[in-house]
Amino acid sequence: MKVLPPLVSASAGARSSLRTDRSEPCNSLPITARRRPTGYESRWRSKGWIQADDGSGLIQSPAIIEYLEERYPARPLLSKDLLTRAHERAVAALVACDIHPLHNVSVLNQLRQLGQSEDQVTQWIGHWIGQGLAAIEQLIGDNGYCFGPEPGLADVYLIPQLYAAERFNVSLAAYPRISRVAALALQHPAFIQAHPARQPDTPT
């Protein structure tokens, strides 16, 4: 079953949004869930998906995040400003649609089956992560998190991709705005708790 990404995730999505592939560690328990008052975290850990109030299971980061946004509107991840919300959604879409799917496990395995070497697979991953981060660098703000002093939807999608960038040796040196957001996330309790290294199913 596919599950969400970090604070959402892409493939992250609901992980802080959520990771979208259970073949990878569930390091993206939604930060969104951590911001809500009802036991969503334990449900995610035990089932691999978020359980809605009626008992049904919710999968995929965008669906989970939107559900939590509407169910618990007191602590939104989206800005009150219409234009800022559009930018936040644009960053989320860049991660969820343009970056993460191209280094999902199923895609990488297909590349290997087509005869690509591990070096070529790694170059593929680095190329698409770099392309996506370059686009995001142009969209986010100059202070605080992506769009303000508190983490929001864009950050929930972006931060898990930075874990992937580190894993595949993609330098952030060319992205000072993203580097700033990454440094802030390292100090934020929700992102700390959602880090892949802190998840019980992370390979040792």
C-alpha atoms as a PDB file:
ATOM      1  CA  MET A   1       0.000   0.000   0.000  1.00  0.00           C
ATOM      2  CA  LYS A   2       1.259   3.468  -0.766  1.00  0.00           C
ATOM      3  CA  VAL A   3       1.280   5.880   2.076  1.00  0.00           C
ATOM      4  CA  LEU A   4       1.948   9.484   2.506  1.00  0.00           C
ATOM      5  CA  PRO A   5       4.913  11.554   2.756  1.00  0.00           C
ATOM      6  CA  PRO A   6       6.636  14.966   5.732  1.00  0.00           C
ATOM      7  CA  LEU A   7       5.297  17.597   7.656  1.00  0.00           C
ATOM      8  CA  VAL A   8       3.495  16.398   4.998  1.00  0.00           C
ATOM      9  CA  SER A   9       5.484  14.147   1.444  1.00  0.00           C
ATOM     10  CA  ALA A  10       6.303  14.457  -1.003  1.00  0.00           C
ATOM     11  CA  SER A  11       6.710  11.428  -0.740  1.00  0.00           C
ATOM     12  CA  ALA A  12       6.973  12.755   1.564  1.00  0.00           C
ATOM     13  CA  GLY A  13       3.075  14.145   1.822  1.00  0.00           C
ATOM     14  CA  ALA A  14       1.621  13.541   5.147  1.00  0.00           C
ATOM     15  CA  ARG A  15       5.123  12.859   6.881  1.00  0.00           C
ATOM     16  CA  SER A  16       5.909  15.822   8.307  1.00  0.00           C
ATOM     17  CA  SER A  17       3.614  15.110   4.842  1.00  0.00           C
ATOM     18  CA  LEU A  18       4.342  11.470   3.987  1.00  0.00           C
ATOM     19  CA  ARG A  19       6.472   9.073   2.112  1.00  0.00           C
ATOM     20  CA  THR A  20       4.520   7.521  -0.676  1.00  0.00           C
ATOM     21  CA  ASP A  21       6.163   4.158  -0.784  1.00  0.00           C
ATOM     22  CA  ARG A  22       6.141   1.627   2.023  1.00  0.00           C
ATOM     23  CA  SER A  23       9.207   0.002   0.560  1.00  0.00           C
ATOM     24  CA  GLU A  24      11.034   2.945   2.060  1.00  0.00           C
ATOM     25  CA  PRO A  25      11.108   3.751   5.786  1.00  0.00           C
ATOM     26  CA  CYS A  26       8.039   5.565   7.014  1.00  0.00           C
ATOM     27  CA  ASN A  27      10.140   8.568   7.919  1.00  0.00           C
ATOM     28  CA  SER A  28       7.410  10.909   6.923  1.00  0.00           C
ATOM     29  CA  LEU A  29       4.847  10.568   9.595  1.00  0.00           C
ATOM     30  CA  PRO A  30       2.996  13.738   9.019  1.00  0.00           C
ATOM     31  CA  ILE A  31       4.199  16.678  10.830  1.00  0.00           C
ATOM     32  CA  THR A  32       0.679  17.655  10.051  1.00  0.00           C
ATOM     33  CA  ALA A  33      -0.516  14.888  12.318  1.00  0.00           C
ATOM     34  CA  ARG A  34       1.856  16.032  15.033  1.00  0.00           C
ATOM     35  CA  ARG A  35       0.207  19.452  14.938  1.00  0.00           C
ATOM     36  CA  ARG A  36      -3.244  18.017  15.580  1.00  0.00           C
ATOM     37  CA  PRO A  37      -4.758  17.093  18.926  1.00  0.00           C
ATOM     38  CA  THR A  38      -6.076  13.594  18.281  1.00  0.00           C
ATOM     39  CA  GLY A  39      -3.764  10.519  18.142  1.00  0.00           C
ATOM     40  CA  TYR A  40      -3.069  10.521  14.454  1.00  0.00           C
ATOM     41  CA  GLU A  41       0.604   9.724  15.017  1.00  0.00           C
ATOM     42  CA  SER A  42      -0.032   6.441  16.791  1.00  0.00           C
ATOM     43  CA  ARG A  43      -2.563   5.471  14.135  1.00  0.00           C
ATOM     44  CA  TRP A  44      -0.019   6.158  11.413  1.00  0.00           C
ATOM     45  CA  ARG A  45       2.636   4.124  13.161  1.00  0.00           C
ATOM     46  CA  SER A  46       0.398   1.127  13.724  1.00  0.00           C
ATOM     47  CA  LYS A  47      -1.421   1.001  10.379  1.00  0.00           C
ATOM     48  CA  GLY A  48       0.736   2.745   7.764  1.00  0.00           C
ATOM     49  CA  TRP A  49      -2.062   5.158   6.942  1.00  0.00           C
ATOM     50  CA  ILE A  50      -4.170   7.786   8.643  1.00  0.00           C
ATOM     51  CA  GLN A  51      -7.513   6.715  10.025  1.00  0.00           C
ATOM     52  CA  ALA A  52     -10.321   9.204   9.473  1.00  0.00           C
ATOM     53  CA  ASP A  53     -12.986   9.869  12.067  1.00  0.00           C
ATOM     54  CA  ASP A  54     -15.334   7.357  10.444  1.00  0.00           C
ATOM     55  CA  GLY A  55     -12.691   4.630  10.636  1.00  0.00           C
ATOM     56  CA  SER A  56     -11.754   4.646   6.969  1.00  0.00           C
ATOM     57  CA  GLY A  57      -8.120   4.783   5.915  1.00  0.00           C
ATOM     58  CA  LEU A  58      -6.664   7.802   4.155  1.00  0.00           C
ATOM     59  CA  ILE A  59      -3.637   7.459   1.888  1.00  0.00           C
ATOM     60  CA  GLN A  60      -1.490   9.836  -0.184  1.00  0.00           C
ATOM     61  CA  SER A  61      -0.034  13.011   1.254  1.00  0.00           C
ATOM     62  CA  PRO A  62      -2.229  15.608  -0.458  1.00  0.00           C
ATOM     63  CA  ALA A  63      -5.427  13.852   0.613  1.00  0.00           C
ATOM     64  CA  ILE A  64      -4.249  13.388   4.201  1.00  0.00           C
ATOM     65  CA  ILE A  65      -2.987  16.924   4.546  1.00  0.00           C
ATOM     66  CA  GLU A  66      -6.135  18.443   3.123  1.00  0.00           C
ATOM     67  CA  TYR A  67      -8.240  16.273   5.427  1.00  0.00           C
ATOM     68  CA  LEU A  68      -6.279  17.427   8.472  1.00  0.00           C
ATOM     69  CA  GLU A  69      -6.384  21.047   7.318  1.00  0.00           C
ATOM     70  CA  GLU A  70     -10.156  20.960   7.044  1.00  0.00           C
ATOM     71  CA  ARG A  71     -10.760  18.788  10.096  1.00  0.00           C
ATOM     72  CA  TYR A  72      -8.509  20.868  12.384  1.00  0.00           C
ATOM     73  CA  PRO A  73      -8.431  24.401  10.958  1.00  0.00           C
ATOM     74  CA  ALA A  74      -7.088  26.062  14.120  1.00  0.00           C
ATOM     75  CA  ARG A  75      -3.440  25.389  13.166  1.00  0.00           C
ATOM     76  CA  PRO A  76      -3.336  25.596   9.369  1.00  0.00           C
ATOM     77  CA  LEU A  77      -0.355  24.802   7.203  1.00  0.00           C
ATOM     78  CA  LEU A  78      -1.618  27.143   4.496  1.00  0.00           C
ATOM     79  CA  SER A  79      -1.319  30.922   4.687  1.00  0.00           C
ATOM     80  CA  LYS A  80      -4.358  33.147   5.035  1.00  0.00           C
ATOM     81  CA  ASP A  81      -3.096  35.159   2.073  1.00  0.00           C
ATOM     82  CA  LEU A  82      -4.496  33.942  -1.249  1.00  0.00           C
ATOM     83  CA  LEU A  83      -1.352  34.544  -3.309  1.00  0.00           C
ATOM     84  CA  THR A  84       0.933  33.004  -0.694  1.00  0.00           C
ATOM     85  CA  ARG A  85      -1.276  29.915  -0.586  1.00  0.00           C
ATOM     86  CA  ALA A  86      -0.851  29.566  -4.341  1.00  0.00           C
ATOM     87  CA  HIS A  87       2.949  29.705  -3.959  1.00  0.00           C
ATOM     88  CA  GLU A  88       2.837  27.178  -1.119  1.00  0.00           C
ATOM     89  CA  ARG A  89       0.809  24.791  -3.243  1.00  0.00           C
ATOM     90  CA  ALA A  90       3.204  25.310  -6.149  1.00  0.00           C
ATOM     91  CA  VAL A  91       6.175  24.197  -4.048  1.00  0.00           C
ATOM     92  CA  ALA A  92       4.216  21.225  -2.739  1.00  0.00           C
ATOM     93  CA  ALA A  93       3.322  20.240  -6.305  1.00  0.00           C
ATOM     94  CA  LEU A  94       6.927  20.565  -7.483  1.00  0.00           C
ATOM     95  CA  VAL A  95       7.994  18.108  -4.829  1.00  0.00           C
ATOM     96  CA  ALA A  96       5.065  15.712  -5.097  1.00  0.00           C
ATOM     97  CA  CYS A  97       4.796  15.692  -8.901  1.00  0.00           C
ATOM     98  CA  ASP A  98       8.189  16.646 -10.340  1.00  0.00           C
ATOM     99  CA  ILE A  99      10.843  15.498  -7.861  1.00  0.00           C
ATOM    100  CA  HIS A 100       9.776  12.646  -5.627  1.00  0.00           C
ATOM    101  CA  PRO A 101       8.149  10.361  -8.222  1.00  0.00           C
ATOM    102  CA  LEU A 102      11.373  10.272 -10.236  1.00  0.00           C
ATOM    103  CA  HIS A 103      13.358   8.755  -7.374  1.00  0.00           C
ATOM    104  CA  ASN A 104      10.658   6.515  -6.011  1.00  0.00           C
ATOM    105  CA  VAL A 105      11.781   2.936  -5.444  1.00  0.00           C
ATOM    106  CA  SER A 106       9.617   1.505  -8.219  1.00  0.00           C
ATOM    107  CA  VAL A 107      11.106   3.938 -10.755  1.00  0.00           C
ATOM    108  CA  LEU A 108      14.670   3.238  -9.668  1.00  0.00           C
ATOM    109  CA  ASN A 109      14.109  -0.501  -9.825  1.00  0.00           C
ATOM    110  CA  GLN A 110      12.753  -0.144 -13.352  1.00  0.00           C
ATOM    111  CA  LEU A 111      15.877   1.775 -14.369  1.00  0.00           C
ATOM    112  CA  ARG A 112      18.001  -1.056 -12.987  1.00  0.00           C
ATOM    113  CA  GLN A 113      15.929  -3.624 -14.846  1.00  0.00           C
ATOM    114  CA  LEU A 114      16.536  -1.648 -18.040  1.00  0.00           C
ATOM    115  CA  GLY A 115      20.263  -2.084 -17.527  1.00  0.00           C
ATOM    116  CA  GLN A 116      21.267   1.172 -15.877  1.00  0.00           C
ATOM    117  CA  SER A 117      24.201   0.922 -13.492  1.00  0.00           C
ATOM    118  CA  GLU A 118      24.054   2.161  -9.899  1.00  0.00           C
ATOM    119  CA  ASP A 119      26.175   5.154 -10.909  1.00  0.00           C
ATOM    120  CA  GLN A 120      23.693   5.992 -13.658  1.00  0.00           C
ATOM    121  CA  VAL A 121      20.759   5.589 -11.275  1.00  0.00           C
ATOM    122  CA  THR A 122      22.457   7.900  -8.779  1.00  0.00           C
ATOM    123  CA  GLN A 123      23.083  10.466 -11.534  1.00  0.00           C
ATOM    124  CA  TRP A 124      19.396  10.245 -12.497  1.00  0.00           C
ATOM    125  CA  ILE A 125      18.333  10.927  -8.921  1.00  0.00           C
ATOM    126  CA  GLY A 126      20.752  13.822  -8.506  1.00  0.00           C
ATOM    127  CA  HIS A 127      19.667  15.412 -11.773  1.00  0.00           C
ATOM    128  CA  TRP A 128      15.974  15.492 -10.923  1.00  0.00           C
ATOM    129  CA  ILE A 129      16.428  16.517  -7.300  1.00  0.00           C
ATOM    130  CA  GLY A 130      18.733  19.329  -8.443  1.00  0.00           C
ATOM    131  CA  GLN A 131      16.306  20.496 -11.131  1.00  0.00           C
ATOM    132  CA  GLY A 132      13.454  20.589  -8.654  1.00  0.00           C
ATOM    133  CA  LEU A 133      15.386  22.355  -5.912  1.00  0.00           C
ATOM    134  CA  ALA A 134      16.548  25.000  -8.386  1.00  0.00           C
ATOM    135  CA  ALA A 135      12.927  25.778  -9.202  1.00  0.00           C
ATOM    136  CA  ILE A 136      11.914  25.867  -5.533  1.00  0.00           C
ATOM    137  CA  GLU A 137      14.829  28.164  -4.683  1.00  0.00           C
ATOM    138  CA  GLN A 138      13.288  30.799  -6.956  1.00  0.00           C
ATOM    139  CA  LEU A 139       9.854  30.547  -5.365  1.00  0.00           C
ATOM    140  CA  ILE A 140      10.433  30.703  -1.623  1.00  0.00           C
ATOM    141  CA  GLY A 141      11.038  33.759   0.522  1.00  0.00           C
ATOM    142  CA  ASP A 142      14.167  35.347   1.961  1.00  0.00           C
ATOM    143  CA  ASN A 143      13.355  34.955   5.657  1.00  0.00           C
ATOM    144  CA  GLY A 144      12.222  32.204   7.980  1.00  0.00           C
ATOM    145  CA  TYR A 145      10.799  29.028   6.547  1.00  0.00           C
ATOM    146  CA  CYS A 146       9.641  28.813   2.943  1.00  0.00           C
ATOM    147  CA  PHE A 147       6.919  31.432   3.353  1.00  0.00           C
ATOM    148  CA  GLY A 148       7.105  32.814   6.854  1.00  0.00           C
ATOM    149  CA  PRO A 149       8.297  32.470  10.447  1.00  0.00           C
ATOM    150  CA  GLU A 150       6.483  29.159  11.010  1.00  0.00           C
ATOM    151  CA  PRO A 151       6.675  25.965   8.933  1.00  0.00           C
ATOM    152  CA  GLY A 152       3.831  25.444   6.495  1.00  0.00           C
ATOM    153  CA  LEU A 153       2.702  23.258   3.649  1.00  0.00           C
ATOM    154  CA  ALA A 154       5.727  23.970   1.449  1.00  0.00           C
ATOM    155  CA  ASP A 155       8.138  23.084   4.248  1.00  0.00           C
ATOM    156  CA  VAL A 156       6.325  19.838   4.962  1.00  0.00           C
ATOM    157  CA  TYR A 157       6.932  18.754   1.386  1.00  0.00           C
ATOM    158  CA  LEU A 158      10.403  20.229   0.979  1.00  0.00           C
ATOM    159  CA  ILE A 159      12.225  18.946   4.052  1.00  0.00           C
ATOM    160  CA  PRO A 160      11.844  15.218   3.240  1.00  0.00           C
ATOM    161  CA  GLN A 161      13.339  15.885  -0.167  1.00  0.00           C
ATOM    162  CA  LEU A 162      16.349  17.431   1.530  1.00  0.00           C
ATOM    163  CA  TYR A 163      16.860  14.162   3.375  1.00  0.00           C
ATOM    164  CA  ALA A 164      16.908  12.509  -0.051  1.00  0.00           C
ATOM    165  CA  ALA A 165      19.332  15.138  -1.343  1.00  0.00           C
ATOM    166  CA  GLU A 166      21.697  14.364   1.517  1.00  0.00           C
ATOM    167  CA  ARG A 167      21.349  10.635   0.991  1.00  0.00           C
ATOM    168  CA  PHE A 168      22.255  10.935  -2.696  1.00  0.00           C
ATOM    169  CA  ASN A 169      24.988  13.555  -2.191  1.00  0.00           C
ATOM    170  CA  VAL A 170      23.151  16.444  -3.832  1.00  0.00           C
ATOM    171  CA  SER A 171      24.786  19.621  -2.550  1.00  0.00           C
ATOM    172  CA  LEU A 172      22.616  22.492  -1.304  1.00  0.00           C
ATOM    173  CA  ALA A 173      25.400  25.031  -1.796  1.00  0.00           C
ATOM    174  CA  ALA A 174      23.661  26.586  -4.801  1.00  0.00           C
ATOM    175  CA  TYR A 175      20.415  27.035  -2.855  1.00  0.00           C
ATOM    176  CA  PRO A 176      20.935  29.526   0.013  1.00  0.00           C
ATOM    177  CA  ARG A 177      17.216  29.972   0.678  1.00  0.00           C
ATOM    178  CA  ILE A 178      16.632  26.244   0.868  1.00  0.00           C
ATOM    179  CA  SER A 179      19.738  25.880   3.063  1.00  0.00           C
ATOM    180  CA  ARG A 180      18.263  28.444   5.455  1.00  0.00           C
ATOM    181  CA  VAL A 181      15.003  26.499   5.678  1.00  0.00           C
ATOM    182  CA  ALA A 182      16.926  23.267   6.212  1.00  0.00           C
ATOM    183  CA  ALA A 183      18.861  24.812   9.109  1.00  0.00           C
ATOM    184  CA  LEU A 184      15.644  25.985  10.766  1.00  0.00           C
ATOM    185  CA  ALA A 185      14.062  22.564  10.351  1.00  0.00           C
ATOM    186  CA  LEU A 186      16.990  20.975  12.177  1.00  0.00           C
ATOM    187  CA  GLN A 187      15.903  22.898  15.280  1.00  0.00           C
ATOM    188  CA  HIS A 188      12.145  22.315  14.999  1.00  0.00           C
ATOM    189  CA  PRO A 189      10.766  19.522  17.229  1.00  0.00           C
ATOM    190  CA  ALA A 190       8.294  18.233  14.631  1.00  0.00           C
ATOM    191  CA  PHE A 191      10.924  17.895  11.919  1.00  0.00           C
ATOM    192  CA  ILE A 192      13.367  16.372  14.388  1.00  0.00           C
ATOM    193  CA  GLN A 193      10.814  13.714  15.338  1.00  0.00           C
ATOM    194  CA  ALA A 194       9.963  13.029  11.691  1.00  0.00           C
ATOM    195  CA  HIS A 195      13.579  12.606  10.585  1.00  0.00           C
ATOM    196  CA  PRO A 196      14.229   9.255   8.862  1.00  0.00           C
ATOM    197  CA  ALA A 197      16.938   8.328  11.362  1.00  0.00           C
ATOM    198  CA  ARG A 198      14.421   8.472  14.216  1.00  0.00           C
ATOM    199  CA  GLN A 199      11.899   6.079  12.657  1.00  0.00           C
ATOM    200  CA  PRO A 200      11.624   2.518  13.990  1.00  0.00           C
ATOM    201  CA  ASP A 201      11.563   0.993  10.499  1.00  0.00           C
ATOM    202  CA  THR A 202      14.675   2.765   9.220  1.00  0.00           C
ATOM    203  CA  PRO A 203      17.219   0.159   8.047  1.00  0.00           C
ATOM    204  CA  THR A 204      20.286  -0.123  10.257  1.00  0.00           C
END
